[in-house]
Amino acid sequence: MSKSTQVLDAKTIETVKATVPVLAEHGTAITSRFYQLLFNNHPELKNIFNQTNQKKGEQPQALANAVYAAAAHIDQLENIFPVVNKIAHKHRSLNIKPEHYPIVGDNLLKAMKDVLKETATDEIMVAWAEAYGVIADAFIQVEKVMYEKTEQKPGGWVGYRDFRVIQKVKESDVITSFYLKPADSGLLPDFKAGQYITVKVNVPSIPYTCQRQYSLSCKPNKEFFRISVKREDSIGDSPDGVVSTYLHESVNEGNIIELSAPSGDFVLNQEKKPLVLISGGVGLTPLTSMLETVVTQQPNREVYYIHAAQNEGVHGLKDTVKQIADQNDHVHTFTIYEKPEDVNACDKIGFVDLAWLQTVLPTNEASFYFCGPKPFMKVIYKALKDWQVNAEDIHYEFFGPQGDLEAW
């Protein structure tokens, strides 16, 4: 991470670090108020933020965690580079620009004042305004490099590019794959297994453009991108599922949708140790990309692919995985169904747990990658920690705002 051009004096640093616990205590209230102010003052920015995560409270909590972590390390921001880098990938994919940061800062500071009232003295507000400037500058510098690398890559682009749906395949009762090629017939950029793209669509029932991030579910290739989308059901006036439903019902072969270039740091390593891929539900998408990739790039690496789903009806891409396992003796696959229609259709009924993992995996000295619903991920994370898997061998991806797997 490059150093900020702004330098904070010792008194400002002391004030910010001393008030982090106070603000963290009111973190969700402050960021909830922030989003309220932001969307009232700048409704054009609604398209950048997933409104489902807003209603669930996940995005305010994630923002609070990120801001206060940065503030706590304001004098040594390089210590939280992994967090900054992960968020910067999301920002680059959503086309966040430097001019967005002052808008965010202005509304965030107003929200702090609204929630903390007289506790937020002038001295504290000035210190936090300066600190926010440093934090924003750190993100801007990291994202600037990302934008440049993305645009300079063969076939790369910044912003959005038209893609044509060349094939639409129903993978299960709830998951459909979309195969996508550039509408301009230009080059596809290379990407890393595990990365995602942002889809931008205009849904008739929504007054603003919607953006959603979907993992690429295929190995890197020069012919097409593939995303495998689970249809989420909307409840009441919730925006949950509007994009996935639109893709399932209204986007067909021959249609055009807009995509950002691939992004993300949840990517497959090239180590020689065994690879363990554990997915729950539609969390299989980045891991299927990794599975397709590893058998091509590392044909002798031992791979264990474990997938958990409610039942065989909602299990997507299972034929793809079966074909890979059938063709590669070093690929071992296991399926867990909570409520199978056929008890012989899976290797375990119920849920993944440590005791079972230890019966199918020969060692804990492996590279573990997992993705799925947050409760599922918490269980897997705890199991791996209890098994004393090395921290550097544990890799995971959140679908949505970054969360905390250690909070129960």
Protein backbone atom coordinates (compact mmCIF):
# COMPACT_ATOMS: atom_id res chain seq x y z
CA MET A 1 0.00 0.00 0.00
CA SER A 2 1.40 3.38 -0.94
CA LYS A 3 1.63 5.96 1.78
CA SER A 4 -1.03 8.65 1.94
CA THR A 5 -0.02 12.11 0.81
CA GLN A 6 -1.74 13.41 3.94
CA VAL A 7 0.07 13.35 7.29
CA LEU A 8 -1.80 13.38 10.58
CA ASP A 9 -0.29 15.01 13.64
CA ALA A 10 0.12 13.09 16.89
CA LYS A 11 -2.85 14.80 18.57
CA THR A 12 -5.21 13.87 15.72
CA ILE A 13 -4.03 10.27 15.77
CA GLU A 14 -4.49 10.12 19.53
CA THR A 15 -8.02 11.56 19.31
CA VAL A 16 -9.10 9.17 16.57
CA LYS A 17 -7.70 6.04 18.23
CA ALA A 18 -9.14 7.05 21.60
CA THR A 19 -12.64 7.50 20.17
CA VAL A 20 -12.72 4.33 18.05
CA PRO A 21 -14.31 2.24 20.86
CA VAL A 22 -17.01 4.87 21.44
CA LEU A 23 -17.90 5.06 17.77
CA ALA A 24 -17.66 1.30 17.33
CA GLU A 25 -20.26 0.89 20.07
CA HIS A 26 -22.66 2.97 17.97
CA GLY A 27 -21.23 1.74 14.66
CA THR A 28 -24.32 0.21 13.10
CA ALA A 29 -26.52 3.15 14.15
CA ILE A 30 -24.05 5.58 12.61
CA THR A 31 -23.68 3.71 9.32
CA SER A 32 -27.42 3.08 9.07
CA ARG A 33 -27.96 6.82 9.45
CA PHE A 34 -25.16 7.38 6.93
CA TYR A 35 -26.91 5.32 4.25
CA GLN A 36 -30.18 7.12 4.97
CA LEU A 37 -28.49 10.49 4.45
CA LEU A 38 -26.52 9.30 1.44
CA PHE A 39 -29.53 7.99 -0.45
CA ASN A 40 -31.64 11.02 0.42
CA ASN A 41 -28.92 13.42 -0.76
CA HIS A 42 -27.61 11.29 -3.64
CA PRO A 43 -30.29 8.84 -4.84
CA GLU A 44 -28.22 8.29 -8.00
CA LEU A 45 -25.80 6.23 -5.88
CA LYS A 46 -28.42 3.60 -5.01
CA ASN A 47 -27.27 1.58 -8.00
CA ILE A 48 -23.85 1.08 -6.39
CA PHE A 49 -25.18 -0.45 -3.17
CA ASN A 50 -27.09 -3.72 -2.90
CA GLN A 51 -30.40 -2.65 -1.38
CA THR A 52 -31.05 -6.17 -0.08
CA ASN A 53 -27.94 -5.98 2.08
CA GLN A 54 -29.10 -2.54 3.22
CA LYS A 55 -32.41 -3.91 4.49
CA LYS A 56 -30.72 -6.85 6.20
CA GLY A 57 -28.31 -4.49 7.94
CA GLU A 58 -25.30 -6.34 6.55
CA GLN A 59 -23.86 -3.47 4.55
CA PRO A 60 -23.98 -0.91 7.40
CA GLN A 61 -22.30 -3.42 9.70
CA ALA A 62 -19.61 -4.19 7.12
CA LEU A 63 -18.92 -0.49 6.56
CA ALA A 64 -18.72 0.13 10.30
CA ASN A 65 -16.24 -2.71 10.72
CA ALA A 66 -14.06 -1.46 7.86
CA VAL A 67 -14.02 2.19 8.95
CA TYR A 68 -13.22 1.46 12.58
CA ALA A 69 -10.56 -1.11 11.73
CA ALA A 70 -8.90 1.49 9.53
CA ALA A 71 -9.21 4.17 12.21
CA ALA A 72 -7.71 1.88 14.85
CA HIS A 73 -4.65 1.48 12.59
CA ILE A 74 -4.65 5.04 11.29
CA ASP A 75 -0.92 5.42 11.99
CA GLN A 76 -0.08 2.08 10.33
CA LEU A 77 -2.66 1.43 7.62
CA GLU A 78 -0.32 -1.09 6.00
CA ASN A 79 -1.29 -3.48 8.82
CA ILE A 80 -4.79 -3.83 7.39
CA PHE A 81 -3.77 -4.03 3.74
CA PRO A 82 -5.54 -7.41 3.22
CA VAL A 83 -8.85 -5.82 4.28
CA VAL A 84 -8.27 -2.70 2.17
CA ASN A 85 -7.28 -4.84 -0.79
CA LYS A 86 -10.38 -7.04 -0.57
CA ILE A 87 -12.71 -4.03 -0.36
CA ALA A 88 -10.82 -2.28 -3.17
CA HIS A 89 -11.48 -5.27 -5.43
CA LYS A 90 -15.20 -4.84 -4.75
CA HIS A 91 -14.97 -1.11 -5.41
CA ARG A 92 -13.12 -1.60 -8.69
CA SER A 93 -15.74 -4.11 -9.82
CA LEU A 94 -18.52 -1.61 -8.99
CA ASN A 95 -16.70 1.25 -10.72
CA ILE A 96 -16.23 3.31 -7.55
CA LYS A 97 -14.33 6.48 -8.44
CA PRO A 98 -12.25 9.02 -6.42
CA GLU A 99 -15.06 11.57 -6.64
CA HIS A 100 -17.34 9.24 -4.65
CA TYR A 101 -15.16 9.40 -1.54
CA PRO A 102 -15.84 13.04 -0.53
CA ILE A 103 -19.58 12.37 -0.84
CA VAL A 104 -19.29 9.33 1.41
CA GLY A 105 -17.10 11.21 3.89
CA ASP A 106 -19.44 14.19 4.15
CA ASN A 107 -22.48 12.03 4.87
CA LEU A 108 -20.59 9.72 7.22
CA LEU A 109 -19.43 12.64 9.36
CA LYS A 110 -22.96 14.08 9.44
CA ALA A 111 -24.25 10.68 10.55
CA MET A 112 -21.66 10.53 13.34
CA LYS A 113 -22.79 13.94 14.58
CA ASP A 114 -26.48 12.99 14.34
CA VAL A 115 -26.02 9.81 16.41
CA LEU A 116 -23.42 10.95 18.94
CA LYS A 117 -24.84 14.47 19.34
CA GLU A 118 -22.91 16.53 21.93
CA THR A 119 -20.46 13.65 22.49
CA ALA A 120 -19.07 14.43 19.03
CA THR A 121 -17.16 17.58 19.93
CA ASP A 122 -15.63 19.88 17.35
CA GLU A 123 -12.20 18.48 18.18
CA ILE A 124 -13.37 14.91 17.56
CA MET A 125 -15.16 15.79 14.33
CA VAL A 126 -12.14 17.63 12.93
CA ALA A 127 -9.87 14.70 13.82
CA TRP A 128 -12.18 12.19 12.17
CA ALA A 129 -12.54 14.36 9.06
CA GLU A 130 -8.76 14.35 8.69
CA ALA A 131 -8.57 10.62 9.41
CA TYR A 132 -11.24 9.85 6.84
CA GLY A 133 -9.22 11.78 4.28
CA VAL A 134 -6.22 9.55 4.94
CA ILE A 135 -8.30 6.36 4.82
CA ALA A 136 -10.01 7.44 1.59
CA ASP A 137 -6.67 8.32 0.03
CA ALA A 138 -5.37 4.83 0.85
CA PHE A 139 -8.33 3.23 -0.96
CA ILE A 140 -8.03 5.62 -3.91
CA GLN A 141 -4.35 4.82 -4.39
CA VAL A 142 -4.90 1.04 -4.24
CA GLU A 143 -7.89 1.24 -6.60
CA LYS A 144 -5.99 3.47 -9.04
CA VAL A 145 -3.44 0.69 -9.53
CA MET A 146 -6.23 -1.87 -9.95
CA TYR A 147 -7.99 0.20 -12.60
CA GLU A 148 -4.74 0.65 -14.52
CA LYS A 149 -3.87 -3.05 -14.44
CA THR A 150 -7.39 -4.02 -15.47
CA GLU A 151 -7.44 -1.67 -18.45
CA GLN A 152 -3.92 -2.53 -19.62
CA LYS A 153 -4.50 -6.29 -19.60
CA PRO A 154 -5.16 -7.81 -23.09
CA GLY A 155 -8.93 -7.75 -23.54
CA GLY A 156 -9.36 -5.72 -20.37
CA TRP A 157 -11.62 -2.74 -19.83
CA VAL A 158 -12.77 -0.29 -17.16
CA GLY A 159 -16.44 0.40 -16.52
CA TYR A 160 -18.98 -1.79 -18.26
CA ARG A 161 -18.90 -3.76 -21.49
CA ASP A 162 -21.73 -5.33 -23.44
CA PHE A 163 -21.88 -9.13 -23.41
CA ARG A 164 -24.20 -11.37 -25.36
CA VAL A 165 -25.83 -14.43 -23.79
CA ILE A 166 -24.77 -17.27 -26.10
CA GLN A 167 -26.24 -20.08 -23.99
CA LYS A 168 -28.62 -20.38 -21.06
CA VAL A 169 -28.59 -23.68 -19.17
CA LYS A 170 -30.82 -24.76 -16.27
CA GLU A 171 -28.48 -26.43 -13.78
CA SER A 172 -31.03 -27.26 -11.05
CA ASP A 173 -34.45 -26.20 -9.80
CA VAL A 174 -32.97 -22.88 -8.62
CA ILE A 175 -29.67 -22.37 -10.48
CA THR A 176 -29.25 -21.33 -14.13
CA SER A 177 -25.97 -20.77 -15.98
CA PHE A 178 -25.42 -17.96 -18.47
CA TYR A 179 -22.60 -18.27 -21.01
CA LEU A 180 -21.43 -14.82 -22.09
CA LYS A 181 -19.28 -13.50 -24.95
CA PRO A 182 -18.26 -9.90 -25.72
CA ALA A 183 -20.83 -8.31 -28.02
CA ASP A 184 -17.98 -6.52 -29.81
CA SER A 185 -16.34 -9.91 -30.60
CA GLY A 186 -13.18 -8.60 -28.90
CA LEU A 187 -10.76 -10.43 -26.67
CA LEU A 188 -11.69 -11.81 -23.29
CA PRO A 189 -9.23 -10.94 -20.52
CA ASP A 190 -7.64 -13.69 -18.51
CA PHE A 191 -8.91 -14.09 -14.96
CA LYS A 192 -8.08 -16.15 -11.89
CA ALA A 193 -10.22 -19.05 -10.71
CA GLY A 194 -12.45 -17.76 -7.90
CA GLN A 195 -12.92 -14.22 -9.20
CA TYR A 196 -16.25 -12.50 -9.89
CA ILE A 197 -17.80 -9.97 -12.25
CA THR A 198 -20.48 -7.32 -11.72
CA VAL A 199 -23.67 -7.57 -13.77
CA LYS A 200 -25.54 -4.33 -14.45
CA VAL A 201 -29.16 -4.54 -15.57
CA ASN A 202 -32.26 -2.37 -15.76
CA VAL A 203 -35.10 -4.17 -13.98
CA PRO A 204 -38.47 -2.65 -14.99
CA SER A 205 -39.82 -2.67 -11.42
CA ILE A 206 -36.77 -0.87 -9.97
CA PRO A 207 -36.32 2.90 -10.56
CA TYR A 208 -32.52 2.69 -10.63
CA THR A 209 -29.95 0.52 -12.37
CA CYS A 210 -29.16 -2.65 -10.41
CA GLN A 211 -25.71 -4.15 -9.98
CA ARG A 212 -24.91 -7.58 -8.56
CA GLN A 213 -21.65 -9.46 -8.29
CA TYR A 214 -21.51 -13.08 -9.43
CA SER A 215 -18.60 -15.48 -9.30
CA LEU A 216 -17.36 -16.88 -12.58
CA SER A 217 -18.17 -20.60 -12.46
CA CYS A 218 -15.88 -21.74 -15.29
CA LYS A 219 -12.13 -22.04 -15.64
CA PRO A 220 -10.28 -19.18 -17.38
CA ASN A 221 -10.60 -19.51 -21.14
CA LYS A 222 -10.59 -17.33 -24.25
CA GLU A 223 -14.11 -18.20 -25.42
CA PHE A 224 -16.67 -17.19 -22.78
CA PHE A 225 -17.51 -16.26 -19.22
CA ARG A 226 -20.00 -18.34 -17.28
CA ILE A 227 -22.02 -17.26 -14.26
CA SER A 228 -24.35 -19.67 -12.47
CA VAL A 229 -27.10 -17.71 -10.74
CA LYS A 230 -29.38 -18.91 -7.97
CA ARG A 231 -32.87 -17.49 -8.16
CA GLU A 232 -33.62 -15.79 -4.84
CA ASP A 233 -37.25 -15.25 -3.91
CA SER A 234 -38.43 -11.74 -3.04
CA ILE A 235 -40.54 -11.30 0.07
CA GLY A 236 -42.92 -8.36 0.34
CA ASP A 237 -41.27 -5.14 -0.79
CA SER A 238 -37.77 -6.54 -0.27
CA PRO A 239 -35.41 -6.02 -3.24
CA ASP A 240 -33.93 -9.44 -2.48
CA GLY A 241 -33.95 -11.55 -5.62
CA VAL A 242 -35.01 -8.90 -8.13
CA VAL A 243 -31.84 -9.26 -10.21
CA SER A 244 -31.63 -13.04 -10.06
CA THR A 245 -35.34 -13.31 -10.90
CA TYR A 246 -34.89 -10.90 -13.80
CA LEU A 247 -31.97 -12.92 -15.14
CA HIS A 248 -33.88 -16.20 -14.83
CA GLU A 249 -37.15 -14.93 -16.31
CA SER A 250 -36.25 -12.14 -18.72
CA VAL A 251 -32.69 -12.63 -19.97
CA ASN A 252 -32.44 -15.17 -22.76
CA GLU A 253 -30.00 -16.35 -25.41
CA GLY A 254 -29.16 -13.47 -27.73
CA ASN A 255 -29.83 -10.77 -25.12
CA ILE A 256 -27.21 -8.22 -24.06
CA ILE A 257 -26.15 -7.51 -20.46
CA GLU A 258 -23.38 -5.27 -19.15
CA LEU A 259 -20.42 -6.64 -17.20
CA SER A 260 -17.44 -5.26 -15.34
CA ALA A 261 -14.05 -6.95 -15.74
CA PRO A 262 -13.20 -9.87 -13.42
CA SER A 263 -12.08 -8.93 -9.91
CA GLY A 264 -11.46 -10.41 -6.47
CA ASP A 265 -8.70 -11.87 -4.32
CA PHE A 266 -10.34 -15.20 -3.43
CA VAL A 267 -8.20 -17.07 -5.95
CA LEU A 268 -6.72 -20.52 -6.36
CA ASN A 269 -3.13 -20.99 -5.25
CA GLN A 270 -0.57 -23.12 -7.07
CA GLU A 271 0.76 -25.03 -4.08
CA LYS A 272 1.44 -28.76 -4.23
CA LYS A 273 -0.33 -29.67 -0.99
CA PRO A 274 -3.82 -31.24 -1.27
CA LEU A 275 -6.65 -28.89 -2.21
CA VAL A 276 -9.95 -29.06 -0.31
CA LEU A 277 -12.96 -27.25 -1.78
CA ILE A 278 -16.05 -27.04 0.47
CA SER A 279 -19.21 -25.38 -0.83
CA GLY A 280 -22.73 -24.84 0.42
CA GLY A 281 -25.61 -24.04 -1.95
CA VAL A 282 -24.71 -21.62 -4.71
CA GLY A 283 -21.33 -21.11 -3.00
CA LEU A 284 -20.21 -23.83 -5.40
CA THR A 285 -19.70 -21.29 -8.22
CA PRO A 286 -16.15 -20.04 -7.46
CA LEU A 287 -15.12 -23.50 -6.28
CA THR A 288 -16.29 -25.14 -9.50
CA SER A 289 -14.08 -22.65 -11.35
CA MET A 290 -11.19 -23.71 -9.12
CA LEU A 291 -11.94 -27.40 -9.69
CA GLU A 292 -12.04 -26.99 -13.47
CA THR A 293 -8.79 -25.02 -13.29
CA VAL A 294 -6.73 -27.22 -10.98
CA VAL A 295 -7.21 -30.38 -13.03
CA THR A 296 -5.85 -28.49 -16.04
CA GLN A 297 -3.03 -26.55 -14.40
CA GLN A 298 -2.00 -29.09 -11.75
CA PRO A 299 -3.13 -32.48 -13.09
CA ASN A 300 -1.46 -34.47 -10.30
CA ARG A 301 -2.64 -32.44 -7.31
CA GLU A 302 -4.94 -34.29 -4.92
CA VAL A 303 -8.32 -32.57 -4.77
CA TYR A 304 -11.23 -33.12 -2.39
CA TYR A 305 -14.48 -31.47 -3.47
CA ILE A 306 -17.25 -31.40 -0.86
CA HIS A 307 -20.67 -29.92 -1.59
CA ALA A 308 -23.61 -29.45 0.76
CA ALA A 309 -27.16 -28.72 -0.44
CA GLN A 310 -30.70 -29.13 0.77
CA ASN A 311 -31.38 -31.90 -1.74
CA GLU A 312 -30.51 -33.14 -5.23
CA GLY A 313 -33.15 -30.91 -6.83
CA VAL A 314 -31.30 -27.70 -5.94
CA HIS A 315 -27.78 -29.09 -6.48
CA GLY A 316 -26.31 -27.15 -9.40
CA LEU A 317 -23.41 -28.07 -11.71
CA LYS A 318 -23.33 -31.63 -10.33
CA ASP A 319 -22.91 -33.15 -13.80
CA THR A 320 -19.92 -30.88 -14.44
CA VAL A 321 -18.28 -31.96 -11.18
CA LYS A 322 -19.09 -35.65 -11.75
CA GLN A 323 -17.53 -35.57 -15.21
CA ILE A 324 -14.33 -34.03 -13.83
CA ALA A 325 -14.15 -36.64 -11.04
CA ASP A 326 -14.79 -39.49 -13.48
CA GLN A 327 -11.93 -38.30 -15.69
CA ASN A 328 -9.41 -37.62 -12.89
CA ASP A 329 -8.52 -40.31 -10.34
CA HIS A 330 -6.96 -37.74 -8.00
CA VAL A 331 -10.27 -35.83 -7.65
CA HIS A 332 -12.43 -37.10 -4.79
CA THR A 333 -15.98 -35.77 -4.49
CA PHE A 334 -18.47 -35.95 -1.63
CA THR A 335 -22.07 -34.75 -1.42
CA ILE A 336 -24.12 -33.93 1.67
CA TYR A 337 -27.88 -33.40 1.48
CA GLU A 338 -29.89 -32.10 4.40
CA LYS A 339 -33.15 -33.67 3.18
CA PRO A 340 -32.43 -35.95 0.19
CA GLU A 341 -35.22 -37.22 -2.00
CA ASP A 342 -33.18 -40.42 -2.43
CA VAL A 343 -31.04 -41.41 0.57
CA ASN A 344 -28.60 -43.13 -1.81
CA ALA A 345 -27.99 -39.92 -3.75
CA CYS A 346 -25.47 -38.51 -1.28
CA ASP A 347 -22.53 -39.52 0.89
CA LYS A 348 -23.96 -38.01 4.07
CA ILE A 349 -27.39 -36.93 5.26
CA GLY A 350 -27.50 -33.81 7.40
CA PHE A 351 -24.69 -31.29 7.66
CA VAL A 352 -20.93 -31.04 7.34
CA ASP A 353 -19.12 -31.40 10.67
CA LEU A 354 -15.55 -31.90 11.82
CA ALA A 355 -15.95 -35.54 12.79
CA TRP A 356 -17.15 -36.39 9.28
CA LEU A 357 -14.50 -34.23 7.59
CA GLN A 358 -11.82 -36.18 9.45
CA THR A 359 -13.17 -39.44 8.00
CA VAL A 360 -12.95 -38.31 4.36
CA LEU A 361 -9.88 -36.08 4.42
CA PRO A 362 -6.50 -37.73 5.01
CA THR A 363 -4.84 -34.67 6.52
CA ASN A 364 -5.38 -31.17 7.84
CA GLU A 365 -2.22 -30.08 6.05
CA ALA A 366 -4.01 -28.89 2.94
CA SER A 367 -5.24 -25.69 1.29
CA PHE A 368 -8.87 -25.20 2.30
CA TYR A 369 -11.28 -23.02 0.30
CA PHE A 370 -14.92 -22.63 1.25
CA CYS A 371 -17.93 -20.55 0.26
CA GLY A 372 -21.65 -20.61 0.98
CA PRO A 373 -24.31 -19.12 3.25
CA LYS A 374 -22.87 -17.36 6.29
CA PRO A 375 -24.13 -19.93 8.88
CA PHE A 376 -22.55 -22.70 6.79
CA MET A 377 -19.28 -20.80 6.55
CA LYS A 378 -19.18 -20.22 10.31
CA VAL A 379 -19.51 -23.97 10.90
CA ILE A 380 -16.75 -24.79 8.40
CA TYR A 381 -14.46 -22.08 9.77
CA LYS A 382 -14.88 -23.31 13.34
CA ALA A 383 -14.31 -26.92 12.27
CA LEU A 384 -11.05 -26.01 10.54
CA LYS A 385 -9.87 -23.95 13.51
CA ASP A 386 -10.75 -26.80 15.89
CA TRP A 387 -8.76 -29.15 13.62
CA GLN A 388 -5.85 -26.74 13.98
CA VAL A 389 -5.57 -26.02 10.27
CA ASN A 390 -2.91 -23.35 9.69
CA ALA A 391 -4.46 -19.90 9.31
CA GLU A 392 -2.64 -19.29 6.02
CA ASP A 393 -4.32 -22.40 4.58
CA ILE A 394 -7.87 -21.17 5.26
CA HIS A 395 -9.43 -19.20 2.40
CA TYR A 396 -13.05 -18.09 2.06
CA GLU A 397 -15.31 -15.72 0.14
CA PHE A 398 -18.40 -13.88 1.33
CA PHE A 399 -21.29 -13.38 -1.08
CA GLY A 400 -22.15 -9.84 -0.03
CA PRO A 401 -20.60 -7.53 2.59
CA GLN A 402 -17.59 -8.85 4.46
CA GLY A 403 -18.59 -10.51 7.70
CA ASP A 404 -17.02 -12.03 10.80
CA LEU A 405 -16.87 -15.82 10.94
CA GLU A 406 -15.71 -15.84 14.55
CA ALA A 407 -18.84 -14.07 15.87
CA TRP A 408 -21.44 -16.50 17.18
